[in-house]
Amino acid sequence: MGAPGSAGGAAPKEVKVVLLGDAAVGKSSLAQKFVSGHFDPYSQSTIGAAFLNRTVLVDGLPVKFLIWDTAGQEKYRSLAPMYYRGARCAIVAYDITKAVSFDCL
């Protein structure tokens, strides 16, 4: 019997996803909601980057999403390329009530 969310024990395909954007725009909240279904309105700032994963069935086959949640603070920007190297998908987040969070992209 396979792992939860897998089809018949087939090894899941892995897809690296990176979350990018300014500080405090909700990147960690998006990742947590996707992975655990939980939303915490008072989450802590990410230091450097955080790693999460979730396996879901896509067209009946398991896909393991490897999610890198990068810190948005200026002092960590130089580290970002290290995290998104090899990513198959980037999700860019910004705060619609704070135009500067979009401008920094």
N, C-alpha and C. Protein backbone atom coordinates (compact mmCIF):
# COMPACT_ATOMS: atom_id res chain seq x y z
N MET A 1 0.84 -1.17 0.00
CA MET A 1 0.00 0.00 0.00
C MET A 1 0.89 1.23 0.00
N GLY A 2 0.56 2.23 -0.82
CA GLY A 2 1.37 3.43 -0.96
C GLY A 2 1.13 4.44 0.13
N ALA A 3 1.91 5.49 0.08
CA ALA A 3 1.78 6.59 1.04
C ALA A 3 0.47 7.32 0.79
N PRO A 4 -0.03 8.03 1.81
CA PRO A 4 -1.26 8.79 1.61
C PRO A 4 -1.14 9.72 0.42
N GLY A 5 -2.14 9.73 -0.42
CA GLY A 5 -2.12 10.59 -1.60
C GLY A 5 -1.40 10.00 -2.78
N SER A 6 -0.90 8.77 -2.66
CA SER A 6 -0.21 8.16 -3.79
C SER A 6 -1.11 7.14 -4.45
N ALA A 7 -0.82 6.85 -5.69
CA ALA A 7 -1.62 5.91 -6.46
C ALA A 7 -0.91 4.57 -6.52
N GLY A 8 -1.39 3.61 -5.74
CA GLY A 8 -0.87 2.26 -5.80
C GLY A 8 0.60 2.14 -5.46
N GLY A 9 1.14 3.05 -4.67
CA GLY A 9 2.53 2.96 -4.27
C GLY A 9 3.51 3.51 -5.29
N ALA A 10 3.03 4.09 -6.39
CA ALA A 10 3.93 4.66 -7.39
C ALA A 10 4.74 5.79 -6.77
N ALA A 11 6.03 5.84 -7.12
CA ALA A 11 6.87 6.93 -6.62
C ALA A 11 6.37 8.25 -7.20
N PRO A 12 6.16 9.25 -6.35
CA PRO A 12 5.64 10.51 -6.85
C PRO A 12 6.66 11.28 -7.67
N LYS A 13 6.17 11.97 -8.68
CA LYS A 13 7.00 12.90 -9.43
C LYS A 13 7.22 14.10 -8.52
N GLU A 14 8.43 14.65 -8.49
CA GLU A 14 8.71 15.80 -7.63
C GLU A 14 8.77 17.07 -8.46
N VAL A 15 8.12 18.11 -7.95
CA VAL A 15 8.08 19.40 -8.62
C VAL A 15 8.51 20.46 -7.61
N LYS A 16 9.60 21.16 -7.91
CA LYS A 16 10.07 22.23 -7.03
C LYS A 16 9.32 23.51 -7.35
N VAL A 17 8.75 24.12 -6.29
CA VAL A 17 7.99 25.36 -6.41
C VAL A 17 8.64 26.37 -5.47
N VAL A 18 8.79 27.60 -5.93
CA VAL A 18 9.37 28.64 -5.09
C VAL A 18 8.38 29.80 -4.97
N LEU A 19 8.26 30.32 -3.74
CA LEU A 19 7.40 31.47 -3.47
C LEU A 19 8.28 32.71 -3.36
N LEU A 20 7.95 33.73 -4.14
CA LEU A 20 8.75 34.96 -4.18
C LEU A 20 7.87 36.16 -3.89
N GLY A 21 8.46 37.19 -3.32
CA GLY A 21 7.73 38.43 -3.08
C GLY A 21 8.30 39.18 -1.90
N ASP A 22 7.80 40.40 -1.71
CA ASP A 22 8.24 41.27 -0.64
C ASP A 22 7.89 40.67 0.73
N ALA A 23 8.48 41.23 1.77
CA ALA A 23 8.20 40.77 3.14
C ALA A 23 6.74 41.04 3.50
N ALA A 24 6.15 40.15 4.26
CA ALA A 24 4.81 40.31 4.83
C ALA A 24 3.69 40.42 3.82
N VAL A 25 3.82 39.72 2.68
CA VAL A 25 2.74 39.73 1.69
C VAL A 25 1.88 38.47 1.73
N GLY A 26 2.29 37.47 2.54
CA GLY A 26 1.48 36.28 2.70
C GLY A 26 2.03 35.01 2.07
N LYS A 27 3.30 35.00 1.69
CA LYS A 27 3.88 33.81 1.06
C LYS A 27 3.79 32.60 1.98
N SER A 28 4.18 32.77 3.24
CA SER A 28 4.14 31.65 4.19
C SER A 28 2.71 31.20 4.45
N SER A 29 1.79 32.14 4.49
CA SER A 29 0.38 31.79 4.70
C SER A 29 -0.16 30.98 3.53
N LEU A 30 0.20 31.35 2.31
CA LEU A 30 -0.22 30.58 1.13
C LEU A 30 0.32 29.15 1.21
N ALA A 31 1.60 29.02 1.55
CA ALA A 31 2.22 27.70 1.62
C ALA A 31 1.58 26.85 2.71
N GLN A 32 1.40 27.42 3.90
CA GLN A 32 0.79 26.67 4.99
C GLN A 32 -0.64 26.24 4.67
N LYS A 33 -1.40 27.10 4.04
CA LYS A 33 -2.78 26.75 3.68
C LYS A 33 -2.79 25.57 2.69
N PHE A 34 -1.88 25.59 1.72
CA PHE A 34 -1.81 24.51 0.74
C PHE A 34 -1.37 23.19 1.39
N VAL A 35 -0.37 23.25 2.26
CA VAL A 35 0.20 22.05 2.85
C VAL A 35 -0.69 21.45 3.94
N SER A 36 -1.20 22.31 4.85
CA SER A 36 -1.91 21.78 6.01
C SER A 36 -3.40 22.14 6.05
N GLY A 37 -3.81 23.07 5.20
CA GLY A 37 -5.20 23.52 5.24
C GLY A 37 -5.44 24.54 6.34
N HIS A 38 -4.38 24.90 7.06
CA HIS A 38 -4.50 25.81 8.20
C HIS A 38 -4.03 27.21 7.80
N PHE A 39 -4.72 28.25 8.30
CA PHE A 39 -4.32 29.64 8.09
C PHE A 39 -4.06 30.27 9.44
N ASP A 40 -2.87 30.83 9.62
CA ASP A 40 -2.51 31.53 10.85
C ASP A 40 -2.32 33.01 10.52
N PRO A 41 -3.23 33.87 10.97
CA PRO A 41 -3.13 35.30 10.63
C PRO A 41 -1.94 35.99 11.29
N TYR A 42 -1.24 35.33 12.21
CA TYR A 42 -0.12 35.94 12.92
C TYR A 42 1.16 35.13 12.77
N SER A 43 1.48 34.73 11.57
CA SER A 43 2.68 33.91 11.37
C SER A 43 3.95 34.76 11.49
N GLN A 44 5.03 34.10 11.88
CA GLN A 44 6.33 34.75 12.05
C GLN A 44 6.98 35.00 10.69
N SER A 45 7.88 35.97 10.63
CA SER A 45 8.63 36.24 9.40
C SER A 45 9.56 35.06 9.11
N THR A 46 9.71 34.74 7.85
CA THR A 46 10.60 33.66 7.43
C THR A 46 12.04 34.17 7.46
N ILE A 47 12.94 33.36 7.99
CA ILE A 47 14.37 33.69 8.03
C ILE A 47 15.05 32.87 6.94
N GLY A 48 15.61 33.53 5.94
CA GLY A 48 16.26 32.83 4.82
C GLY A 48 15.24 32.17 3.93
N ALA A 49 14.83 30.96 4.27
CA ALA A 49 13.80 30.25 3.51
C ALA A 49 13.25 29.12 4.38
N ALA A 50 12.03 28.72 4.08
CA ALA A 50 11.41 27.58 4.74
C ALA A 50 11.06 26.55 3.68
N PHE A 51 11.08 25.29 4.07
CA PHE A 51 10.78 24.21 3.13
C PHE A 51 9.55 23.45 3.61
N LEU A 52 8.61 23.24 2.71
CA LEU A 52 7.41 22.45 2.99
C LEU A 52 7.18 21.52 1.81
N ASN A 53 6.40 20.47 2.01
CA ASN A 53 6.06 19.62 0.88
C ASN A 53 4.68 19.02 1.08
N ARG A 54 4.09 18.66 -0.03
CA ARG A 54 2.79 17.99 -0.02
C ARG A 54 2.67 17.16 -1.29
N THR A 55 2.15 15.96 -1.12
CA THR A 55 1.91 15.08 -2.26
C THR A 55 0.42 15.06 -2.55
N VAL A 56 0.07 15.31 -3.80
CA VAL A 56 -1.33 15.29 -4.23
C VAL A 56 -1.44 14.46 -5.52
N LEU A 57 -2.64 13.99 -5.79
CA LEU A 57 -2.87 13.27 -7.03
C LEU A 57 -3.22 14.27 -8.13
N VAL A 58 -2.53 14.16 -9.24
CA VAL A 58 -2.79 14.98 -10.42
C VAL A 58 -3.04 14.01 -11.57
N ASP A 59 -4.23 14.03 -12.10
CA ASP A 59 -4.63 13.07 -13.15
C ASP A 59 -4.38 11.63 -12.70
N GLY A 60 -4.63 11.37 -11.42
CA GLY A 60 -4.50 10.02 -10.88
C GLY A 60 -3.09 9.60 -10.51
N LEU A 61 -2.11 10.47 -10.72
CA LEU A 61 -0.72 10.14 -10.40
C LEU A 61 -0.22 11.04 -9.28
N PRO A 62 0.62 10.48 -8.38
CA PRO A 62 1.11 11.30 -7.27
C PRO A 62 2.16 12.31 -7.73
N VAL A 63 2.01 13.54 -7.26
CA VAL A 63 2.97 14.60 -7.52
C VAL A 63 3.35 15.21 -6.17
N LYS A 64 4.63 15.20 -5.88
CA LYS A 64 5.12 15.77 -4.62
C LYS A 64 5.64 17.18 -4.90
N PHE A 65 4.96 18.17 -4.31
CA PHE A 65 5.35 19.55 -4.46
C PHE A 65 6.37 19.89 -3.37
N LEU A 66 7.57 20.27 -3.78
CA LEU A 66 8.64 20.68 -2.88
C LEU A 66 8.62 22.20 -2.87
N ILE A 67 8.14 22.80 -1.79
CA ILE A 67 7.85 24.22 -1.76
C ILE A 67 8.91 24.97 -0.95
N TRP A 68 9.56 25.90 -1.61
CA TRP A 68 10.55 26.76 -0.96
C TRP A 68 9.92 28.13 -0.78
N ASP A 69 9.74 28.51 0.46
CA ASP A 69 9.15 29.79 0.85
C ASP A 69 10.30 30.72 1.20
N THR A 70 10.63 31.64 0.30
CA THR A 70 11.78 32.52 0.51
C THR A 70 11.41 33.72 1.37
N ALA A 71 12.39 34.21 2.13
CA ALA A 71 12.19 35.41 2.94
C ALA A 71 12.11 36.63 2.02
N GLY A 72 11.26 37.57 2.37
CA GLY A 72 11.09 38.76 1.53
C GLY A 72 11.94 39.94 1.94
N GLN A 73 12.59 39.87 3.11
CA GLN A 73 13.37 40.99 3.57
C GLN A 73 14.58 41.23 2.67
N GLU A 74 14.92 42.49 2.50
CA GLU A 74 16.03 42.90 1.64
C GLU A 74 17.33 42.17 1.99
N LYS A 75 17.60 41.97 3.28
CA LYS A 75 18.87 41.36 3.68
C LYS A 75 19.02 39.91 3.22
N TYR A 76 17.92 39.25 2.84
CA TYR A 76 17.97 37.86 2.36
C TYR A 76 17.86 37.73 0.85
N ARG A 77 17.70 38.85 0.15
CA ARG A 77 17.50 38.79 -1.31
C ARG A 77 18.64 38.12 -2.05
N SER A 78 19.87 38.29 -1.57
CA SER A 78 21.01 37.69 -2.27
C SER A 78 20.97 36.17 -2.21
N LEU A 79 20.23 35.58 -1.26
CA LEU A 79 20.12 34.13 -1.14
C LEU A 79 19.07 33.53 -2.08
N ALA A 80 18.14 34.35 -2.54
CA ALA A 80 17.00 33.85 -3.32
C ALA A 80 17.40 32.99 -4.52
N PRO A 81 18.38 33.39 -5.34
CA PRO A 81 18.72 32.55 -6.51
C PRO A 81 19.10 31.13 -6.13
N MET A 82 19.70 30.95 -4.97
CA MET A 82 20.07 29.61 -4.52
C MET A 82 18.82 28.75 -4.32
N TYR A 83 17.74 29.34 -3.85
CA TYR A 83 16.52 28.60 -3.59
C TYR A 83 15.72 28.32 -4.86
N TYR A 84 15.71 29.24 -5.82
CA TYR A 84 14.88 28.98 -6.99
C TYR A 84 15.60 28.32 -8.15
N ARG A 85 16.84 27.99 -7.98
CA ARG A 85 17.56 27.22 -8.99
C ARG A 85 16.90 25.85 -9.14
N GLY A 86 16.54 25.48 -10.34
CA GLY A 86 15.93 24.19 -10.60
C GLY A 86 14.42 24.14 -10.37
N ALA A 87 13.83 25.26 -10.01
CA ALA A 87 12.38 25.28 -9.77
C ALA A 87 11.61 25.14 -11.08
N ARG A 88 10.49 24.42 -11.02
CA ARG A 88 9.62 24.25 -12.18
C ARG A 88 8.49 25.28 -12.18
N CYS A 89 8.31 25.94 -11.04
CA CYS A 89 7.21 26.89 -10.90
C CYS A 89 7.60 27.97 -9.89
N ALA A 90 7.22 29.20 -10.18
CA ALA A 90 7.40 30.30 -9.23
C ALA A 90 6.05 30.96 -9.01
N ILE A 91 5.73 31.18 -7.74
CA ILE A 91 4.52 31.90 -7.39
C ILE A 91 4.96 33.23 -6.82
N VAL A 92 4.53 34.31 -7.45
CA VAL A 92 4.90 35.65 -7.02
C VAL A 92 3.73 36.23 -6.24
N ALA A 93 4.01 36.64 -5.00
CA ALA A 93 2.97 37.19 -4.14
C ALA A 93 3.25 38.66 -3.88
N TYR A 94 2.18 39.44 -3.78
CA TYR A 94 2.30 40.85 -3.42
C TYR A 94 1.03 41.27 -2.70
N ASP A 95 1.10 42.39 -2.01
CA ASP A 95 -0.01 42.91 -1.22
C ASP A 95 -0.75 43.94 -2.06
N ILE A 96 -2.01 43.68 -2.39
CA ILE A 96 -2.76 44.61 -3.25
C ILE A 96 -3.03 45.94 -2.58
N THR A 97 -2.85 46.00 -1.25
CA THR A 97 -3.05 47.27 -0.54
C THR A 97 -1.76 48.05 -0.36
N LYS A 98 -0.64 47.50 -0.86
CA LYS A 98 0.67 48.13 -0.70
C LYS A 98 1.42 48.03 -2.03
N ALA A 99 1.27 49.07 -2.85
CA ALA A 99 1.83 49.06 -4.21
C ALA A 99 3.33 48.79 -4.23
N VAL A 100 4.06 49.24 -3.24
CA VAL A 100 5.50 49.04 -3.22
C VAL A 100 5.86 47.55 -3.18
N SER A 101 4.98 46.71 -2.65
CA SER A 101 5.27 45.27 -2.61
C SER A 101 5.25 44.67 -4.02
N PHE A 102 4.54 45.30 -4.94
CA PHE A 102 4.53 44.86 -6.34
C PHE A 102 5.70 45.48 -7.09
N ASP A 103 6.01 46.72 -6.79
CA ASP A 103 7.09 47.43 -7.47
C ASP A 103 8.45 46.81 -7.25
N CYS A 104 8.64 46.15 -6.09
CA CYS A 104 9.97 45.58 -5.79
C CYS A 104 10.25 44.32 -6.59
N LEU A 105 9.23 43.79 -7.27
CA LEU A 105 9.43 42.56 -8.03
C LEU A 105 10.17 42.91 -9.28
